[in-house]
């Protein structure tokens, strides 16, 4: 399974502290094992899945696309719920 990262994801992940980055890596591993674990979105964000997880007792969201034919996961963005979907729509 190939995992690719967008520039927005890389920028958001770079800002995390070391212990937050470990939580994020664990989350990415869970998605790699089971790519359909995230909730599929509708409307403007159709085709995108969002996985909710806790990063240091704070709810965080990880947006990704899963392409079954190419067996590829594209990590789009990570962050807290505040303005997450608004920023995700702008990115698309």
PDB file of N, CA and C in Angstrom:
ATOM      1  N   UNK A   1       0.846  -1.178   0.000  1.00  0.00           N
ATOM      2  CA  UNK A   1       0.000   0.000   0.000  1.00  0.00           C
ATOM      3  C   UNK A   1       0.885   1.233   0.000  1.00  0.00           C
ATOM      4  N   UNK A   2       0.680   2.091  -0.982  1.00  0.00           N
ATOM      5  CA  UNK A   2       1.471   3.305  -1.110  1.00  0.00           C
ATOM      6  C   UNK A   2       0.751   4.455  -0.399  1.00  0.00           C
ATOM      7  N   UNK A   3       1.497   5.239   0.372  1.00  0.00           N
ATOM      8  CA  UNK A   3       0.941   6.382   1.089  1.00  0.00           C
ATOM      9  C   UNK A   3       1.637   7.646   0.595  1.00  0.00           C
ATOM     10  N   UNK A   4       0.837   8.593   0.059  1.00  0.00           N
ATOM     11  CA  UNK A   4       1.360   9.872  -0.413  1.00  0.00           C
ATOM     12  C   UNK A   4       0.817  10.990   0.456  1.00  0.00           C
ATOM     13  N   UNK A   5       1.569  12.072   0.543  1.00  0.00           N
ATOM     14  CA  UNK A   5       1.179  13.210   1.372  1.00  0.00           C
ATOM     15  C   UNK A   5       1.093  14.456   0.503  1.00  0.00           C
ATOM     16  N   UNK A   6       0.066  15.263   0.735  1.00  0.00           N
ATOM     17  CA  UNK A   6      -0.033  16.546   0.048  1.00  0.00           C
ATOM     18  C   UNK A   6       0.828  17.570   0.783  1.00  0.00           C
ATOM     19  N   UNK A   7       1.052  18.690   0.135  1.00  0.00           N
ATOM     20  CA  UNK A   7       1.840  19.750   0.767  1.00  0.00           C
ATOM     21  C   UNK A   7       1.140  20.289   2.008  1.00  0.00           C
ATOM     22  N   UNK A   8      -0.185  20.394   1.969  1.00  0.00           N
ATOM     23  CA  UNK A   8      -0.931  20.894   3.127  1.00  0.00           C
ATOM     24  C   UNK A   8      -0.778  19.952   4.317  1.00  0.00           C
ATOM     25  N   UNK A   9      -0.806  18.647   4.064  1.00  0.00           N
ATOM     26  CA  UNK A   9      -0.621  17.682   5.138  1.00  0.00           C
ATOM     27  C   UNK A   9       0.788  17.791   5.711  1.00  0.00           C
ATOM     28  N   UNK A  10       1.773  17.865   4.841  1.00  0.00           N
ATOM     29  CA  UNK A  10       3.165  17.962   5.301  1.00  0.00           C
ATOM     30  C   UNK A  10       3.376  19.219   6.140  1.00  0.00           C
ATOM     31  N   UNK A  11       2.770  20.310   5.726  1.00  0.00           N
ATOM     32  CA  UNK A  11       2.899  21.574   6.466  1.00  0.00           C
ATOM     33  C   UNK A  11       2.258  21.456   7.848  1.00  0.00           C
ATOM     34  N   UNK A  12       1.063  20.835   7.905  1.00  0.00           N
ATOM     35  CA  UNK A  12       0.379  20.663   9.196  1.00  0.00           C
ATOM     36  C   UNK A  12       1.130  19.702  10.102  1.00  0.00           C
ATOM     37  N   UNK A  13       1.669  18.624   9.529  1.00  0.00           N
ATOM     38  CA  UNK A  13       2.387  17.631  10.325  1.00  0.00           C
ATOM     39  C   UNK A  13       3.708  18.187  10.844  1.00  0.00           C
ATOM     40  N   UNK A  14       4.326  19.073  10.100  1.00  0.00           N
ATOM     41  CA  UNK A  14       5.593  19.673  10.514  1.00  0.00           C
ATOM     42  C   UNK A  14       5.431  20.523  11.771  1.00  0.00           C
ATOM     43  N   UNK A  15       4.261  21.092  11.954  1.00  0.00           N
ATOM     44  CA  UNK A  15       4.011  21.975  13.094  1.00  0.00           C
ATOM     45  C   UNK A  15       3.766  21.220  14.396  1.00  0.00           C
ATOM     46  N   UNK A  16       3.616  19.917  14.333  1.00  0.00           N
ATOM     47  CA  UNK A  16       3.296  19.133  15.526  1.00  0.00           C
ATOM     48  C   UNK A  16       4.533  18.912  16.388  1.00  0.00           C
ATOM     49  N   UNK A  17       4.288  18.762  17.688  1.00  0.00           N
ATOM     50  CA  UNK A  17       5.357  18.390  18.609  1.00  0.00           C
ATOM     51  C   UNK A  17       5.666  16.919  18.441  1.00  0.00           C
ATOM     52  N   UNK A  18       6.756  16.491  19.011  1.00  0.00           N
ATOM     53  CA  UNK A  18       7.222  15.116  18.828  1.00  0.00           C
ATOM     54  C   UNK A  18       6.200  14.085  19.331  1.00  0.00           C
ATOM     55  N   UNK A  19       5.611  14.324  20.510  1.00  0.00           N
ATOM     56  CA  UNK A  19       4.642  13.364  21.035  1.00  0.00           C
ATOM     57  C   UNK A  19       3.352  13.377  20.213  1.00  0.00           C
ATOM     58  N   UNK A  20       2.997  14.508  19.602  1.00  0.00           N
ATOM     59  CA  UNK A  20       1.835  14.558  18.720  1.00  0.00           C
ATOM     60  C   UNK A  20       2.132  13.822  17.418  1.00  0.00           C
ATOM     61  N   UNK A  21       3.344  13.933  16.943  1.00  0.00           N
ATOM     62  CA  UNK A  21       3.739  13.250  15.711  1.00  0.00           C
ATOM     63  C   UNK A  21       3.675  11.732  15.882  1.00  0.00           C
ATOM     64  N   UNK A  22       3.980  11.243  17.074  1.00  0.00           N
ATOM     65  CA  UNK A  22       3.890   9.804  17.335  1.00  0.00           C
ATOM     66  C   UNK A  22       2.440   9.346  17.252  1.00  0.00           C
ATOM     67  N   UNK A  23       1.520  10.129  17.817  1.00  0.00           N
ATOM     68  CA  UNK A  23       0.096   9.806  17.719  1.00  0.00           C
ATOM     69  C   UNK A  23      -0.361   9.797  16.266  1.00  0.00           C
ATOM     70  N   UNK A  24       0.122  10.751  15.489  1.00  0.00           N
ATOM     71  CA  UNK A  24      -0.235  10.825  14.081  1.00  0.00           C
ATOM     72  C   UNK A  24       0.291   9.616  13.314  1.00  0.00           C
ATOM     73  N   UNK A  25       1.511   9.207  13.587  1.00  0.00           N
ATOM     74  CA  UNK A  25       2.076   8.031  12.915  1.00  0.00           C
ATOM     75  C   UNK A  25       1.271   6.768  13.243  1.00  0.00           C
ATOM     76  N   UNK A  26       0.829   6.646  14.499  1.00  0.00           N
ATOM     77  CA  UNK A  26      -0.015   5.502  14.874  1.00  0.00           C
ATOM     78  C   UNK A  26      -1.328   5.523  14.112  1.00  0.00           C
ATOM     79  N   UNK A  27      -1.885   6.700  13.953  1.00  0.00           N
ATOM     80  CA  UNK A  27      -3.133   6.860  13.215  1.00  0.00           C
ATOM     81  C   UNK A  27      -2.947   6.477  11.745  1.00  0.00           C
ATOM     82  N   UNK A  28      -1.860   6.923  11.143  1.00  0.00           N
ATOM     83  CA  UNK A  28      -1.581   6.587   9.744  1.00  0.00           C
ATOM     84  C   UNK A  28      -1.412   5.084   9.575  1.00  0.00           C
ATOM     85  N   UNK A  29      -0.796   4.438  10.545  1.00  0.00           N
ATOM     86  CA  UNK A  29      -0.624   2.982  10.486  1.00  0.00           C
ATOM     87  C   UNK A  29      -1.982   2.272  10.550  1.00  0.00           C
ATOM     88  N   UNK A  30      -2.898   2.773  11.388  1.00  0.00           N
ATOM     89  CA  UNK A  30      -4.245   2.191  11.461  1.00  0.00           C
ATOM     90  C   UNK A  30      -4.959   2.338  10.126  1.00  0.00           C
ATOM     91  N   UNK A  31      -4.791   3.464   9.478  1.00  0.00           N
ATOM     92  CA  UNK A  31      -5.428   3.684   8.178  1.00  0.00           C
ATOM     93  C   UNK A  31      -4.792   2.792   7.119  1.00  0.00           C
ATOM     94  N   UNK A  32      -3.485   2.595   7.189  1.00  0.00           N
ATOM     95  CA  UNK A  32      -2.818   1.716   6.226  1.00  0.00           C
ATOM     96  C   UNK A  32      -3.330   0.289   6.330  1.00  0.00           C
ATOM     97  N   UNK A  33      -3.567  -0.159   7.564  1.00  0.00           N
ATOM     98  CA  UNK A  33      -4.057  -1.522   7.778  1.00  0.00           C
ATOM     99  C   UNK A  33      -5.505  -1.663   7.314  1.00  0.00           C
ATOM    100  N   UNK A  34      -6.339  -0.662   7.615  1.00  0.00           N
ATOM    101  CA  UNK A  34      -7.743  -0.696   7.242  1.00  0.00           C
ATOM    102  C   UNK A  34      -8.127   0.645   6.609  1.00  0.00           C
ATOM    103  N   UNK A  35      -7.984   0.796   5.289  1.00  0.00           N
ATOM    104  CA  UNK A  35      -8.216   2.084   4.638  1.00  0.00           C
ATOM    105  C   UNK A  35      -9.664   2.586   4.697  1.00  0.00           C
ATOM    106  N   UNK A  36     -10.602   1.728   4.979  1.00  0.00           N
ATOM    107  CA  UNK A  36     -12.004   2.162   5.031  1.00  0.00           C
ATOM    108  C   UNK A  36     -12.440   2.527   6.442  1.00  0.00           C
ATOM    109  N   UNK A  37     -11.502   2.717   7.349  1.00  0.00           N
ATOM    110  CA  UNK A  37     -11.816   3.008   8.745  1.00  0.00           C
ATOM    111  C   UNK A  37     -12.420   4.405   8.913  1.00  0.00           C
ATOM    112  N   UNK A  38     -12.070   5.327   8.040  1.00  0.00           N
ATOM    113  CA  UNK A  38     -12.573   6.695   8.132  1.00  0.00           C
ATOM    114  C   UNK A  38     -14.001   6.811   7.634  1.00  0.00           C
ATOM    115  N   UNK A  39     -14.654   7.871   8.059  1.00  0.00           N
ATOM    116  CA  UNK A  39     -16.037   8.126   7.661  1.00  0.00           C
ATOM    117  C   UNK A  39     -16.050   8.816   6.298  1.00  0.00           C
ATOM    118  N   UNK A  40     -16.801   8.253   5.353  1.00  0.00           N
ATOM    119  CA  UNK A  40     -16.916   8.848   4.029  1.00  0.00           C
ATOM    120  C   UNK A  40     -17.761  10.107   4.076  1.00  0.00           C
ATOM    121  N   UNK A  41     -17.345  11.142   3.376  1.00  0.00           N
ATOM    122  CA  UNK A  41     -18.050  12.421   3.380  1.00  0.00           C
ATOM    123  C   UNK A  41     -18.903  12.555   2.127  1.00  0.00           C
ATOM    124  N   UNK A  42     -19.879  13.466   2.207  1.00  0.00           N
ATOM    125  CA  UNK A  42     -20.801  13.701   1.102  1.00  0.00           C
ATOM    126  C   UNK A  42     -20.719  15.162   0.687  1.00  0.00           C
ATOM    127  N   UNK A  43     -21.344  15.474  -0.420  1.00  0.00           N
ATOM    128  CA  UNK A  43     -21.411  16.858  -0.877  1.00  0.00           C
ATOM    129  C   UNK A  43     -20.098  17.339  -1.455  1.00  0.00           C
ATOM    130  N   UNK A  44     -19.648  18.504  -1.001  1.00  0.00           N
ATOM    131  CA  UNK A  44     -18.411  19.100  -1.515  1.00  0.00           C
ATOM    132  C   UNK A  44     -17.195  18.216  -1.270  1.00  0.00           C
ATOM    133  N   UNK A  45     -17.232  17.443  -0.220  1.00  0.00           N
ATOM    134  CA  UNK A  45     -16.087  16.607   0.169  1.00  0.00           C
ATOM    135  C   UNK A  45     -16.300  15.140  -0.198  1.00  0.00           C
ATOM    136  N   UNK A  46     -17.105  14.865  -1.212  1.00  0.00           N
ATOM    137  CA  UNK A  46     -17.355  13.470  -1.573  1.00  0.00           C
ATOM    138  C   UNK A  46     -16.057  12.834  -2.080  1.00  0.00           C
ATOM    139  N   UNK A  47     -15.883  11.589  -1.756  1.00  0.00           N
ATOM    140  CA  UNK A  47     -14.666  10.874  -2.121  1.00  0.00           C
ATOM    141  C   UNK A  47     -13.574  10.978  -1.079  1.00  0.00           C
ATOM    142  N   UNK A  48     -13.811  11.764  -0.050  1.00  0.00           N
ATOM    143  CA  UNK A  48     -12.824  11.955   1.010  1.00  0.00           C
ATOM    144  C   UNK A  48     -13.292  11.226   2.259  1.00  0.00           C
ATOM    145  N   UNK A  49     -12.370  10.643   2.957  1.00  0.00           N
ATOM    146  CA  UNK A  49     -12.667   9.991   4.229  1.00  0.00           C
ATOM    147  C   UNK A  49     -11.976  10.772   5.333  1.00  0.00           C
ATOM    148  N   UNK A  50     -12.638  10.844   6.485  1.00  0.00           N
ATOM    149  CA  UNK A  50     -12.079  11.549   7.640  1.00  0.00           C
ATOM    150  C   UNK A  50     -12.046  10.589   8.815  1.00  0.00           C
ATOM    151  N   UNK A  51     -10.863  10.445   9.403  1.00  0.00           N
ATOM    152  CA  UNK A  51     -10.673   9.576  10.561  1.00  0.00           C
ATOM    153  C   UNK A  51     -10.469  10.446  11.787  1.00  0.00           C
ATOM    154  N   UNK A  52     -11.291  10.228  12.804  1.00  0.00           N
ATOM    155  CA  UNK A  52     -11.200  10.997  14.040  1.00  0.00           C
ATOM    156  C   UNK A  52     -10.371  10.211  15.051  1.00  0.00           C
ATOM    157  N   UNK A  53      -9.432  10.890  15.696  1.00  0.00           N
ATOM    158  CA  UNK A  53      -8.581  10.252  16.697  1.00  0.00           C
ATOM    159  C   UNK A  53      -8.197  11.284  17.749  1.00  0.00           C
ATOM    160  N   UNK A  54      -7.705  10.805  18.867  1.00  0.00           N
ATOM    161  CA  UNK A  54      -7.302  11.690  19.953  1.00  0.00           C
ATOM    162  C   UNK A  54      -5.791  11.879  19.929  1.00  0.00           C
ATOM    163  N   UNK A  55      -5.395  13.141  19.937  1.00  0.00           N
ATOM    164  CA  UNK A  55      -3.987  13.499  19.982  1.00  0.00           C
ATOM    165  C   UNK A  55      -3.806  14.320  21.254  1.00  0.00           C
ATOM    166  N   UNK A  56      -3.220  13.703  22.279  1.00  0.00           N
ATOM    167  CA  UNK A  56      -3.020  14.356  23.573  1.00  0.00           C
ATOM    168  C   UNK A  56      -4.340  14.889  24.136  1.00  0.00           C
ATOM    169  N   UNK A  57      -5.335  14.044  24.238  1.00  0.00           N
ATOM    170  CA  UNK A  57      -6.647  14.359  24.809  1.00  0.00           C
ATOM    171  C   UNK A  57      -7.409  15.416  24.023  1.00  0.00           C
ATOM    172  N   UNK A  58      -7.054  15.665  22.794  1.00  0.00           N
ATOM    173  CA  UNK A  58      -7.793  16.589  21.944  1.00  0.00           C
ATOM    174  C   UNK A  58      -8.213  15.838  20.689  1.00  0.00           C
ATOM    175  N   UNK A  59      -9.473  16.009  20.308  1.00  0.00           N
ATOM    176  CA  UNK A  59      -9.980  15.351  19.109  1.00  0.00           C
ATOM    177  C   UNK A  59      -9.342  15.978  17.878  1.00  0.00           C
ATOM    178  N   UNK A  60      -8.772  15.141  17.047  1.00  0.00           N
ATOM    179  CA  UNK A  60      -8.147  15.604  15.806  1.00  0.00           C
ATOM    180  C   UNK A  60      -8.739  14.833  14.648  1.00  0.00           C
ATOM    181  N   UNK A  61      -8.646  15.411  13.464  1.00  0.00           N
ATOM    182  CA  UNK A  61      -9.186  14.786  12.266  1.00  0.00           C
ATOM    183  C   UNK A  61      -8.090  14.640  11.223  1.00  0.00           C
ATOM    184  N   UNK A  62      -8.142  13.525  10.515  1.00  0.00           N
ATOM    185  CA  UNK A  62      -7.198  13.263   9.429  1.00  0.00           C
ATOM    186  C   UNK A  62      -8.007  12.977   8.172  1.00  0.00           C
ATOM    187  N   UNK A  63      -7.861  13.833   7.164  1.00  0.00           N
ATOM    188  CA  UNK A  63      -8.580  13.664   5.900  1.00  0.00           C
ATOM    189  C   UNK A  63      -7.673  12.950   4.905  1.00  0.00           C
ATOM    190  N   UNK A  64      -8.252  11.972   4.190  1.00  0.00           N
ATOM    191  CA  UNK A  64      -7.480  11.227   3.206  1.00  0.00           C
ATOM    192  C   UNK A  64      -8.391  10.706   2.113  1.00  0.00           C
ATOM    193  N   UNK A  65      -7.780  10.379   0.990  1.00  0.00           N
ATOM    194  CA  UNK A  65      -8.475   9.728  -0.124  1.00  0.00           C
ATOM    195  C   UNK A  65      -7.897   8.327  -0.265  1.00  0.00           C
ATOM    196  N   UNK A  66      -8.766   7.372  -0.578  1.00  0.00           N
ATOM    197  CA  UNK A  66      -8.316   5.998  -0.783  1.00  0.00           C
ATOM    198  C   UNK A  66      -8.699   5.575  -2.194  1.00  0.00           C
ATOM    199  N   UNK A  67      -7.710   5.222  -2.994  1.00  0.00           N
ATOM    200  CA  UNK A  67      -7.927   4.751  -4.358  1.00  0.00           C
ATOM    201  C   UNK A  67      -7.727   3.239  -4.367  1.00  0.00           C
ATOM    202  N   UNK A  68      -8.835   2.515  -4.482  1.00  0.00           N
ATOM    203  CA  UNK A  68      -8.771   1.048  -4.416  1.00  0.00           C
ATOM    204  C   UNK A  68      -8.057   0.451  -5.614  1.00  0.00           C
ATOM    205  N   UNK A  69      -8.239   1.037  -6.801  1.00  0.00           N
ATOM    206  CA  UNK A  69      -7.652   0.446  -7.996  1.00  0.00           C
ATOM    207  C   UNK A  69      -6.122   0.524  -7.980  1.00  0.00           C
ATOM    208  N   UNK A  70      -5.585   1.654  -7.510  1.00  0.00           N
ATOM    209  CA  UNK A  70      -4.126   1.816  -7.459  1.00  0.00           C
ATOM    210  C   UNK A  70      -3.553   1.454  -6.098  1.00  0.00           C
ATOM    211  N   UNK A  71      -4.415   1.078  -5.154  1.00  0.00           N
ATOM    212  CA  UNK A  71      -4.013   0.772  -3.779  1.00  0.00           C
ATOM    213  C   UNK A  71      -3.129   1.885  -3.237  1.00  0.00           C
ATOM    214  N   UNK A  72      -3.715   3.080  -3.208  1.00  0.00           N
ATOM    215  CA  UNK A  72      -2.981   4.266  -2.799  1.00  0.00           C
ATOM    216  C   UNK A  72      -3.819   5.068  -1.802  1.00  0.00           C
ATOM    217  N   UNK A  73      -3.158   5.582  -0.774  1.00  0.00           N
ATOM    218  CA  UNK A  73      -3.783   6.466   0.200  1.00  0.00           C
ATOM    219  C   UNK A  73      -3.105   7.824   0.074  1.00  0.00           C
ATOM    220  N   UNK A  74      -3.913   8.866  -0.098  1.00  0.00           N
ATOM    221  CA  UNK A  74      -3.382  10.225  -0.202  1.00  0.00           C
ATOM    222  C   UNK A  74      -3.823  10.984   1.042  1.00  0.00           C
ATOM    223  N   UNK A  75      -2.874  11.363   1.873  1.00  0.00           N
ATOM    224  CA  UNK A  75      -3.164  12.103   3.093  1.00  0.00           C
ATOM    225  C   UNK A  75      -3.325  13.581   2.737  1.00  0.00           C
ATOM    226  N   UNK A  76      -4.509  14.136   3.023  1.00  0.00           N
ATOM    227  CA  UNK A  76      -4.826  15.496   2.604  1.00  0.00           C
ATOM    228  C   UNK A  76      -4.525  16.547   3.663  1.00  0.00           C
ATOM    229  N   UNK A  77      -4.979  16.317   4.894  1.00  0.00           N
ATOM    230  CA  UNK A  77      -4.792  17.324   5.934  1.00  0.00           C
ATOM    231  C   UNK A  77      -5.025  16.696   7.297  1.00  0.00           C
ATOM    232  N   UNK A  78      -4.473  17.331   8.317  1.00  0.00           N
ATOM    233  CA  UNK A  78      -4.670  16.912   9.698  1.00  0.00           C
ATOM    234  C   UNK A  78      -4.832  18.165  10.539  1.00  0.00           C
ATOM    235  N   UNK A  79      -5.707  18.091  11.541  1.00  0.00           N
ATOM    236  CA  UNK A  79      -5.898  19.245  12.409  1.00  0.00           C
ATOM    237  C   UNK A  79      -7.059  19.053  13.354  1.00  0.00           C
ATOM    238  N   UNK A  80      -7.321  20.079  14.146  1.00  0.00           N
ATOM    239  CA  UNK A  80      -8.453  20.030  15.066  1.00  0.00           C
ATOM    240  C   UNK A  80      -9.738  20.310  14.286  1.00  0.00           C
ATOM    241  N   UNK A  81     -10.863  20.112  14.918  1.00  0.00           N
ATOM    242  CA  UNK A  81     -12.155  20.242  14.240  1.00  0.00           C
ATOM    243  C   UNK A  81     -12.457  21.680  13.840  1.00  0.00           C
ATOM    244  N   UNK A  82     -11.876  22.627  14.544  1.00  0.00           N
ATOM    245  CA  UNK A  82     -12.164  24.036  14.287  1.00  0.00           C
ATOM    246  C   UNK A  82     -11.734  24.422  12.868  1.00  0.00           C
ATOM    247  N   UNK A  83     -12.689  24.796  12.043  1.00  0.00           N
ATOM    248  CA  UNK A  83     -12.477  25.231  10.656  1.00  0.00           C
ATOM    249  C   UNK A  83     -11.830  24.163   9.777  1.00  0.00           C
ATOM    250  N   UNK A  84     -11.845  22.916  10.193  1.00  0.00           N
ATOM    251  CA  UNK A  84     -11.185  21.847   9.441  1.00  0.00           C
ATOM    252  C   UNK A  84     -11.842  21.650   8.083  1.00  0.00           C
ATOM    253  N   UNK A  85     -13.170  21.527   8.064  1.00  0.00           N
ATOM    254  CA  UNK A  85     -13.873  21.257   6.817  1.00  0.00           C
ATOM    255  C   UNK A  85     -13.840  22.469   5.890  1.00  0.00           C
ATOM    256  N   UNK A  86     -13.883  23.669   6.444  1.00  0.00           N
ATOM    257  CA  UNK A  86     -13.790  24.877   5.626  1.00  0.00           C
ATOM    258  C   UNK A  86     -12.443  24.915   4.908  1.00  0.00           C
ATOM    259  N   UNK A  87     -11.374  24.645   5.641  1.00  0.00           N
ATOM    260  CA  UNK A  87     -10.035  24.645   5.043  1.00  0.00           C
ATOM    261  C   UNK A  87      -9.880  23.510   4.041  1.00  0.00           C
ATOM    262  N   UNK A  88     -10.505  22.385   4.310  1.00  0.00           N
ATOM    263  CA  UNK A  88     -10.432  21.243   3.407  1.00  0.00           C
ATOM    264  C   UNK A  88     -11.125  21.561   2.082  1.00  0.00           C
ATOM    265  N   UNK A  89     -12.266  22.222   2.136  1.00  0.00           N
ATOM    266  CA  UNK A  89     -12.985  22.610   0.918  1.00  0.00           C
ATOM    267  C   UNK A  89     -12.148  23.591   0.098  1.00  0.00           C
ATOM    268  N   UNK A  90     -11.473  24.505   0.756  1.00  0.00           N
ATOM    269  CA  UNK A  90     -10.612  25.463   0.048  1.00  0.00           C
ATOM    270  C   UNK A  90      -9.466  24.751  -0.646  1.00  0.00           C
ATOM    271  N   UNK A  91      -8.950  23.734   0.012  1.00  0.00           N
ATOM    272  CA  UNK A  91      -7.831  22.983  -0.532  1.00  0.00           C
ATOM    273  C   UNK A  91      -8.246  22.214  -1.793  1.00  0.00           C
ATOM    274  N   UNK A  92      -9.486  21.748  -1.807  1.00  0.00           N
ATOM    275  CA  UNK A  92      -9.958  20.986  -2.958  1.00  0.00           C
ATOM    276  C   UNK A  92     -10.263  21.916  -4.103  1.00  0.00           C
TER     277      UNK A  92
END
